[in-house]
Protein backbone atom coordinates (compact mmCIF):
# COMPACT_ATOMS: atom_id res chain seq x y z
CA MET A 1 -0.43 13.78 -10.32
CA ARG A 2 -1.21 17.09 -11.23
CA GLY A 3 -0.13 20.28 -9.71
CA THR A 4 -1.31 24.11 -9.27
CA VAL A 5 -0.76 27.44 -11.19
CA GLY A 6 2.37 29.04 -10.16
CA ALA A 7 4.56 25.77 -9.61
CA THR A 8 8.17 26.27 -9.43
CA SER A 9 10.70 24.54 -11.72
CA ALA A 10 12.51 21.47 -9.75
CA TYR A 11 15.98 22.98 -10.96
CA GLU A 12 15.34 26.23 -9.29
CA LEU A 13 14.72 24.81 -5.52
CA ASP A 14 17.01 24.56 -2.87
CA LEU A 15 17.05 20.98 -2.70
CA PRO A 16 19.71 18.34 -0.67
CA MET A 17 21.93 16.68 -2.49
CA LEU A 18 21.57 12.55 -2.58
CA ASP A 19 24.31 10.78 -4.51
CA THR A 20 24.27 6.74 -3.46
CA THR A 21 27.04 6.05 -5.78
CA GLY A 22 29.48 3.44 -4.14
CA LEU A 23 27.88 3.61 -0.87
CA GLU A 24 27.45 0.52 1.15
CA ARG A 25 23.65 -0.52 2.13
CA ALA A 26 23.60 0.88 5.42
CA GLU A 27 25.17 4.22 4.38
CA ALA A 28 22.75 4.63 1.21
CA LEU A 29 19.93 4.22 3.80
CA ALA A 30 21.39 6.68 6.08
CA ALA A 31 21.83 9.13 3.31
CA THR A 32 18.44 8.61 1.52
CA ALA A 33 16.36 9.05 5.26
CA GLU A 34 18.48 12.40 5.70
CA ALA A 35 17.70 13.85 2.65
CA SER A 36 13.84 12.63 3.33
CA ARG A 37 14.11 14.30 6.52
CA GLN A 38 15.30 17.74 4.89
CA HIS A 39 12.75 17.73 1.83
CA TRP A 40 10.26 15.37 -0.35
CA LEU A 41 12.50 15.68 -3.12
CA ALA A 42 16.33 15.58 -3.69
CA ARG A 43 18.87 16.06 -6.12
CA THR A 44 20.98 13.74 -7.81
CA PRO A 45 24.12 14.09 -10.00
CA LEU A 46 21.71 13.13 -13.14
CA GLY A 47 18.58 14.59 -11.89
CA PHE A 48 16.03 14.20 -9.33
CA SER A 49 15.03 11.51 -6.20
CA LEU A 50 11.96 10.50 -4.64
CA THR A 51 12.68 9.14 -1.35
CA ARG A 52 9.07 9.24 0.84
CA TYR A 53 6.26 6.65 0.16
CA GLN A 54 3.50 8.77 -1.26
CA ASP A 55 5.76 10.30 -3.56
CA ALA A 56 7.15 7.11 -5.09
CA VAL A 57 3.61 6.03 -5.49
CA ALA A 58 2.48 8.76 -7.57
CA CYS A 59 5.30 8.90 -9.85
CA LEU A 60 4.83 5.43 -10.41
CA ARG A 61 1.21 5.65 -11.22
CA ASP A 62 1.76 8.34 -13.29
CA ARG A 63 1.76 7.59 -17.21
CA ARG A 64 3.57 10.73 -18.01
CA PHE A 65 6.57 9.82 -16.34
CA HIS A 66 7.79 6.60 -18.83
CA SER A 67 10.52 3.72 -17.85
CA ALA A 68 13.84 4.91 -17.97
CA LEU A 69 15.40 1.47 -19.09
CA SER A 70 15.91 2.77 -22.56
CA LEU A 71 18.42 5.35 -21.56
CA ILE A 72 20.62 2.83 -19.84
CA PRO A 73 22.79 2.91 -22.85
CA GLN A 74 22.96 6.22 -23.27
CA MET A 75 23.73 6.93 -19.36
CA ALA A 76 26.65 4.21 -19.91
CA GLY A 77 27.93 6.23 -22.51
CA VAL A 78 27.14 3.85 -25.49
CA GLU A 79 27.00 5.33 -29.17
CA PRO A 80 23.47 5.66 -30.38
CA GLY A 81 22.68 3.41 -33.20
CA GLY A 82 24.49 0.27 -31.56
CA TYR A 83 23.17 -3.00 -30.95
CA LEU A 84 21.00 -2.26 -28.24
CA GLU A 85 19.19 0.33 -29.42
CA GLY A 86 18.26 -1.79 -32.50
CA ARG A 87 16.68 -4.44 -30.28
CA ARG A 88 13.12 -4.53 -29.96
CA ARG A 89 11.49 -3.10 -27.18
CA SER A 90 10.58 -4.85 -24.17
CA ILE A 91 7.02 -4.83 -22.36
CA LEU A 92 9.43 -3.70 -19.12
CA SER A 93 10.04 -0.41 -21.07
CA MET A 94 7.29 -0.08 -23.27
CA GLU A 95 4.57 3.00 -22.59
CA GLY A 96 1.09 4.11 -23.98
CA GLU A 97 -0.95 1.98 -25.72
CA GLU A 98 1.68 -0.31 -26.90
CA HIS A 99 2.28 -1.04 -23.20
CA ALA A 100 -1.49 -1.40 -22.47
CA ARG A 101 -2.32 -3.68 -25.06
CA LEU A 102 0.26 -6.31 -24.23
CA ARG A 103 -0.31 -6.10 -20.12
CA ARG A 104 -4.13 -6.58 -21.04
CA LEU A 105 -3.18 -9.66 -23.42
CA VAL A 106 -0.99 -11.62 -21.15
CA ALA A 107 -2.42 -10.94 -17.53
CA PRO A 108 -4.57 -13.47 -17.74
CA ALA A 109 -1.60 -15.70 -17.89
CA PHE A 110 0.05 -14.23 -14.72
CA THR A 111 -2.42 -14.51 -12.19
CA PRO A 112 -1.72 -15.93 -8.57
CA ALA A 113 -3.63 -18.86 -9.52
CA ALA A 114 -1.32 -19.67 -12.04
CA ALA A 115 1.58 -18.97 -9.93
CA GLU A 116 -0.52 -21.63 -7.39
CA ARG A 117 -0.37 -24.61 -9.97
CA LEU A 118 3.60 -24.25 -9.99
CA ARG A 119 3.96 -24.60 -5.87
CA PRO A 120 4.34 -28.22 -5.84
CA PHE A 121 7.08 -28.19 -8.43
CA MET A 122 8.72 -25.20 -6.89
CA ARG A 123 8.70 -27.32 -3.44
CA ASP A 124 10.43 -30.24 -5.66
CA VAL A 125 13.53 -27.86 -6.92
CA ILE A 126 14.10 -26.23 -3.70
CA ASP A 127 13.80 -29.55 -1.72
CA GLN A 128 16.24 -31.07 -4.02
CA LEU A 129 19.19 -28.31 -3.78
CA VAL A 130 18.40 -27.99 0.27
CA ASP A 131 18.42 -31.65 0.51
CA ALA A 132 21.99 -31.87 -1.07
CA VAL A 133 23.63 -29.63 1.67
CA VAL A 134 21.96 -30.57 4.86
CA PRO A 135 24.09 -33.57 5.33
CA GLN A 136 27.06 -31.55 5.34
CA GLY A 137 26.13 -28.90 7.87
CA ARG A 138 27.36 -26.10 5.69
CA CYS A 139 27.08 -24.51 2.23
CA GLU A 140 27.70 -21.54 0.39
CA LEU A 141 24.08 -20.62 -0.34
CA VAL A 142 24.20 -18.20 -3.23
CA ALA A 143 25.70 -20.80 -5.77
CA GLU A 144 24.34 -23.82 -4.34
CA VAL A 145 21.01 -22.92 -3.52
CA CYS A 146 19.72 -19.18 -4.47
CA GLU A 147 21.55 -19.50 -7.72
CA PRO A 148 20.30 -22.57 -9.39
CA TYR A 149 16.83 -22.30 -7.38
CA PRO A 150 14.55 -20.08 -10.13
CA ILE A 151 16.04 -21.38 -13.40
CA PRO A 152 13.92 -24.41 -13.50
CA ILE A 153 10.85 -23.09 -12.32
CA ILE A 154 11.15 -20.42 -15.51
CA CYS A 155 11.90 -22.73 -17.74
CA GLU A 156 8.81 -25.42 -16.44
CA LEU A 157 6.75 -22.20 -16.86
CA LEU A 158 8.06 -21.98 -20.50
CA GLY A 159 8.05 -25.61 -21.39
CA ALA A 160 11.68 -25.47 -21.65
CA PRO A 161 13.13 -28.94 -21.43
CA ARG A 162 15.35 -30.05 -18.07
CA ASP A 163 18.63 -30.39 -20.45
CA ASP A 164 19.01 -26.95 -21.19
CA TRP A 165 18.36 -25.24 -17.98
CA LYS A 166 21.92 -24.46 -17.44
CA LEU A 167 21.87 -22.74 -20.82
CA PHE A 168 18.75 -20.21 -19.52
CA SER A 169 20.91 -19.41 -16.29
CA GLN A 170 23.81 -18.52 -18.04
CA TRP A 171 21.69 -16.29 -20.57
CA ALA A 172 20.00 -14.53 -17.61
CA THR A 173 23.08 -13.79 -16.11
CA ASP A 174 24.64 -12.45 -18.88
CA ILE A 175 21.99 -10.00 -19.99
CA PHE A 176 21.15 -9.19 -16.75
CA ARG A 177 24.71 -7.39 -16.79
CA ILE A 178 22.95 -4.33 -18.54
CA PHE A 179 21.99 -3.09 -14.78
CA ASN A 180 25.72 -3.36 -13.49
CA GLN A 181 26.82 0.16 -14.90
CA ASP A 182 29.68 -1.21 -16.78
CA LEU A 183 28.27 -2.02 -20.34
CA ALA A 184 31.65 -0.94 -22.29
CA THR A 185 32.89 -4.24 -20.34
CA ASP A 186 29.74 -6.08 -20.36
CA LEU A 187 28.09 -5.48 -24.05
CA PRO A 188 29.76 -8.40 -26.14
CA ALA A 189 28.47 -11.00 -23.17
CA ILE A 190 24.99 -9.07 -23.33
CA GLU A 191 25.06 -9.03 -27.10
CA ARG A 192 26.02 -12.98 -27.15
CA ALA A 193 23.30 -14.16 -24.78
CA SER A 194 20.87 -11.95 -26.21
CA ASP A 195 21.11 -13.60 -29.83
CA GLU A 196 21.42 -17.07 -28.67
CA LEU A 197 18.18 -16.70 -26.28
CA ASP A 198 16.53 -15.05 -29.48
CA LEU A 199 17.13 -18.17 -31.50
CA TYR A 200 16.03 -20.51 -28.81
CA VAL A 201 12.89 -18.98 -27.75
CA ARG A 202 11.90 -18.31 -31.43
CA SER A 203 12.42 -21.96 -31.94
CA LEU A 204 10.65 -23.09 -28.76
CA VAL A 205 7.69 -20.73 -30.15
CA GLU A 206 7.16 -22.70 -33.35
CA ARG A 207 7.10 -25.88 -31.79
CA ARG A 208 4.74 -24.84 -29.39
CA ARG A 209 2.41 -23.30 -32.41
CA THR A 210 2.35 -26.92 -33.65
CA HIS A 211 2.50 -28.87 -30.72
CA PRO A 212 1.01 -27.00 -27.66
CA GLY A 213 1.54 -27.80 -23.93
CA ASP A 214 0.52 -26.88 -20.40
CA ASP A 215 3.00 -23.64 -20.16
CA LEU A 216 3.15 -20.16 -20.66
CA LEU A 217 4.19 -20.16 -24.10
CA SER A 218 1.28 -22.52 -25.12
CA THR A 219 -0.78 -20.21 -23.22
CA LEU A 220 0.07 -17.10 -24.57
CA ILE A 221 -0.28 -18.43 -28.29
CA ALA A 222 -3.53 -19.38 -27.95
CA ILE A 223 -4.47 -16.13 -26.27
CA GLU A 224 -7.07 -14.09 -28.52
CA GLU A 225 -9.03 -10.71 -27.69
CA ALA A 226 -11.45 -9.30 -29.70
CA GLY A 227 -9.12 -10.85 -32.93
CA ASP A 228 -6.07 -9.66 -31.51
CA ARG A 229 -3.13 -12.20 -30.92
CA LEU A 230 0.40 -11.92 -30.08
CA SER A 231 2.78 -11.95 -32.98
CA THR A 232 6.07 -14.20 -33.00
CA ASP A 233 8.09 -11.43 -32.30
CA GLU A 234 5.88 -10.24 -29.07
CA LEU A 235 5.96 -13.88 -27.82
CA VAL A 236 9.82 -14.14 -27.98
CA MET A 237 10.22 -10.78 -26.02
CA LEU A 238 7.45 -11.67 -23.35
CA ALA A 239 9.82 -15.12 -23.04
CA GLU A 240 12.77 -12.92 -22.65
CA ALA A 241 11.10 -10.58 -20.09
CA VAL A 242 9.85 -13.72 -18.26
CA LEU A 243 13.34 -15.09 -17.97
CA MET A 244 15.03 -11.50 -17.49
CA ALA A 245 12.88 -10.50 -14.26
CA GLY A 246 11.83 -13.75 -13.01
CA THR A 247 15.42 -14.94 -12.34
CA ASP A 248 18.12 -13.20 -10.75
CA THR A 249 15.31 -10.88 -8.69
CA THR A 250 14.30 -14.21 -7.25
CA ARG A 251 18.03 -15.38 -7.07
CA ASN A 252 18.91 -12.02 -5.04
CA GLN A 253 15.81 -11.90 -2.86
CA LEU A 254 16.08 -14.95 -1.73
CA ALA A 255 19.69 -14.50 -0.91
CA CYS A 256 19.32 -10.99 0.69
CA CYS A 257 15.95 -13.01 2.94
CA MET A 258 18.72 -15.73 4.66
CA ALA A 259 21.32 -12.83 5.08
CA LEU A 260 19.08 -10.79 6.57
CA PHE A 261 17.79 -13.70 9.16
CA ALA A 262 21.16 -14.47 9.70
CA GLU A 263 21.34 -11.23 11.39
CA TYR A 264 18.08 -11.63 13.22
CA PRO A 265 18.08 -15.47 14.46
CA GLU A 266 15.27 -14.82 16.80
CA GLN A 267 12.92 -13.64 13.69
CA TRP A 268 14.11 -17.20 12.12
CA ALA A 269 13.31 -19.13 15.07
CA LEU A 270 10.22 -17.53 14.80
CA LEU A 271 9.33 -18.71 11.55
CA VAL A 272 10.67 -22.32 12.23
CA GLU A 273 7.93 -22.36 15.03
CA HIS A 274 5.42 -21.07 12.80
CA PRO A 275 5.88 -21.86 9.24
CA ASP A 276 2.54 -20.55 8.25
CA MET A 277 4.31 -16.91 9.02
CA ALA A 278 6.32 -17.25 5.66
CA PRO A 279 4.20 -15.19 3.19
CA ARG A 280 4.27 -12.58 5.84
CA ALA A 281 7.93 -12.98 6.39
CA VAL A 282 8.61 -12.66 2.16
CA GLU A 283 6.85 -9.59 2.57
CA GLU A 284 8.89 -7.95 5.57
CA THR A 285 12.54 -9.16 4.32
CA MET A 286 11.39 -7.42 0.83
CA ARG A 287 10.36 -4.15 2.82
CA TYR A 288 13.57 -3.94 4.91
CA LEU A 289 15.98 -5.50 2.10
CA GLY A 290 14.91 -5.76 -1.26
CA ALA A 291 17.23 -6.84 -4.04
CA VAL A 292 15.68 -3.90 -6.29
CA ARG A 293 16.65 -0.76 -4.26
CA GLY A 294 15.14 1.93 -6.71
CA THR A 295 14.20 2.92 -10.39
CA ALA A 296 14.12 5.34 -13.07
CA ARG A 297 11.40 7.57 -14.50
CA VAL A 298 11.58 10.45 -17.34
CA ALA A 299 9.36 13.13 -17.54
CA SER A 300 7.87 12.40 -21.05
CA GLU A 301 6.61 16.24 -20.91
CA ASP A 302 6.90 18.95 -18.54
CA ILE A 303 4.64 17.56 -15.44
CA GLU A 304 3.72 19.36 -12.31
CA TYR A 305 3.28 17.81 -8.95
CA ARG A 306 3.21 19.29 -5.64
CA ASP A 307 3.70 22.78 -6.90
CA VAL A 308 6.82 21.55 -8.63
CA VAL A 309 7.28 21.49 -12.26
CA PHE A 310 9.65 18.24 -13.62
CA PRO A 311 11.03 19.64 -17.17
CA LYS A 312 10.43 17.22 -20.06
CA GLY A 313 13.41 15.09 -20.11
CA SER A 314 13.98 15.21 -16.58
CA LEU A 315 15.27 11.70 -14.76
CA VAL A 316 13.63 11.07 -11.33
CA VAL A 317 15.06 8.25 -9.77
CA VAL A 318 12.27 6.64 -7.23
CA ALA A 319 14.03 5.26 -4.31
CA LEU A 320 12.16 1.88 -3.58
CA ALA A 321 14.58 0.86 -0.56
CA GLY A 322 13.74 4.83 0.79
CA ALA A 323 10.14 4.63 0.37
CA ASN A 324 9.96 0.79 2.30
CA ARG A 325 11.35 2.81 5.46
CA ASP A 326 9.23 5.92 5.30
CA PRO A 327 8.11 6.00 8.85
CA THR A 328 4.57 7.29 7.84
CA THR A 329 3.95 4.20 6.03
CA PHE A 330 5.69 2.09 8.12
CA PRO A 331 5.78 2.68 11.96
CA THR A 332 9.31 2.19 13.29
CA PRO A 333 10.38 1.32 9.79
CA ASP A 334 14.23 -0.19 10.71
CA ARG A 335 12.72 -2.62 13.02
CA PHE A 336 12.81 -6.21 10.96
CA ASP A 337 9.59 -7.91 12.73
CA ILE A 338 7.92 -11.04 10.06
CA ALA A 339 4.65 -10.49 12.48
CA ARG A 340 4.15 -6.71 11.19
CA GLN A 341 1.02 -6.10 9.69
CA GLY A 342 0.77 -4.19 6.06
CA THR A 343 3.90 -5.21 4.66
CA SER A 344 2.39 -6.39 1.54
CA GLN A 345 2.35 -2.63 0.26
CA HIS A 346 6.38 -2.59 0.12
CA MET A 347 7.18 -1.02 -2.56
CA THR A 348 10.13 -3.56 -4.26
CA PHE A 349 7.55 -4.69 -6.67
CA GLY A 350 6.96 -1.27 -7.93
CA SER A 351 3.72 0.18 -8.91
CA GLY A 352 1.50 1.61 -11.37
CA ILE A 353 1.34 0.15 -14.72
CA HIS A 354 5.04 -1.39 -14.68
CA HIS A 355 4.27 -3.28 -11.28
CA CYS A 356 5.99 -6.69 -11.39
CA LEU A 357 3.87 -8.89 -13.64
CA GLY A 358 5.37 -11.86 -12.17
CA ALA A 359 5.21 -10.58 -8.77
CA SER A 360 2.72 -13.74 -7.37
CA LEU A 361 5.23 -15.89 -9.08
CA ALA A 362 8.13 -14.29 -6.91
CA ARG A 363 6.21 -14.53 -4.17
CA ALA A 364 4.95 -18.24 -4.08
CA GLU A 365 8.95 -19.27 -4.83
CA LEU A 366 10.03 -17.18 -2.11
CA GLN A 367 7.38 -18.71 0.37
CA GLU A 368 8.22 -22.14 -0.85
CA ALA A 369 12.04 -21.71 -0.40
CA LEU A 370 11.71 -20.13 3.07
CA THR A 371 9.21 -22.93 4.31
CA VAL A 372 11.78 -26.05 3.09
CA LEU A 373 14.58 -23.83 4.31
CA ALA A 374 12.81 -23.16 7.67
CA ARG A 375 12.43 -27.08 7.98
CA ALA A 376 15.80 -28.06 7.04
CA MET A 377 17.77 -25.72 9.06
CA PRO A 378 15.88 -24.79 12.10
CA SER A 379 19.14 -23.20 12.87
CA PHE A 380 21.93 -21.23 11.19
CA ALA A 381 24.79 -18.99 11.04
CA VAL A 382 27.31 -17.27 8.58
CA ASP A 383 30.36 -19.13 8.13
CA GLY A 384 32.58 -16.71 7.57
CA PRO A 385 32.26 -12.95 5.68
CA VAL A 386 29.44 -12.63 3.89
CA GLU A 387 30.51 -10.70 0.66
CA TRP A 388 27.71 -8.29 -1.24
CA LYS A 389 27.70 -7.42 -4.65
CA PRO A 390 28.55 -4.13 -5.74
CA PRO A 391 26.74 -1.54 -4.95
CA THR A 392 26.11 0.01 -8.49
CA PHE A 393 24.44 -3.78 -9.32
CA GLY A 394 20.98 -2.82 -10.27
CA ILE A 395 19.49 -6.14 -9.20
CA TRP A 396 21.49 -6.67 -5.56
CA GLY A 397 22.26 -8.79 -3.01
CA PRO A 398 25.36 -11.19 -1.44
CA ALA A 399 27.66 -12.53 -3.96
CA ARG A 400 28.62 -15.52 -1.39
CA LEU A 401 26.52 -16.01 1.63
CA PRO A 402 28.56 -19.08 3.57
CA LEU A 403 26.35 -20.71 6.18
CA ARG A 404 26.71 -23.47 8.94
CA PHE A 405 23.87 -25.44 10.72
CA PRO A 406 23.32 -29.10 12.14
CA ALA A 407 23.79 -31.29 9.76
CA SER A 408 21.22 -33.92 9.39
CA ALA A 409 20.62 -37.17 7.27
CA VAL A 410 17.93 -36.20 4.26
């Protein structure tokens, strides 16, 4: 992402204004597409936005652009020096050698093969959830299937007992309030959940040091590279990151998938007829309607790109949803088609050094869920209004998704 001599400051350019605050999904996509037609760069109330695919990839792969997660309290108006600032840094916001070291150490634990080993357990979990609703002929999918689905899998991954699944579910829900742009209200719940989770995982780590099992924590404890090992604080941080990154995202993405298929019953019929298309269906639904619609970066120094200088401290929002609709990368991008080729290059998992570490796990979970749902509900329709979470939510999807379908005996 290097530029040329004679570059102009981004602040001096005549750019389209892009403000999607409070806009619904279709409105936000339309506004992003219009800004993208006018220029590859847009101005936002807090900085700039990249809306085209190649520019989004370039930004996320440029290590001089740092994660803006650490700026969330500041942008929310929370006074410096508070609770969140005192928390140890997460791998989700680390940069440089500190981040590279941790990714290097833990990468072997997050391979596609590691996710494959959990597929039988995933099938058991989703089978039980779906079997509980199919005899009724209707359900509220978010509460009865999507919300409870990923937690047992994350707990199984970490080696936490079944009795504690509900605890993990509530902790994940509360900690993820940090992305909902209402820290003044949510901070007490975030603090309480973070402290309780910290104590729990710390105790779990100590037990695994003396009694290792066939789980992620035991694997991470045993990892050693050239004498380098993970400390207890690092193990706790990683376990918490896995819970955060692997729960709310999967919940919301599965609900997004099913809400989308409700709009396109012919695509659902195609999946029912060809369940082996589940991997492609997952990629296309994540491209077309991703639960993570954007991510933010901050310039760690003056950065020159395409003859434009982003001064140090500039905030750049990467519009993942916009990049996923870039017609130069995805022909006829506004058409939802699970038979589409090349959708695995969508941006919903990000790119570069902060590309989702658990992408293989998430893909496997969604593939297993869609396969089971297609078998159990060969046809379905919405059974009332679909309620969506506020557009300010960082991890977004339906809040309620009532469905009806032919009842069947389990």
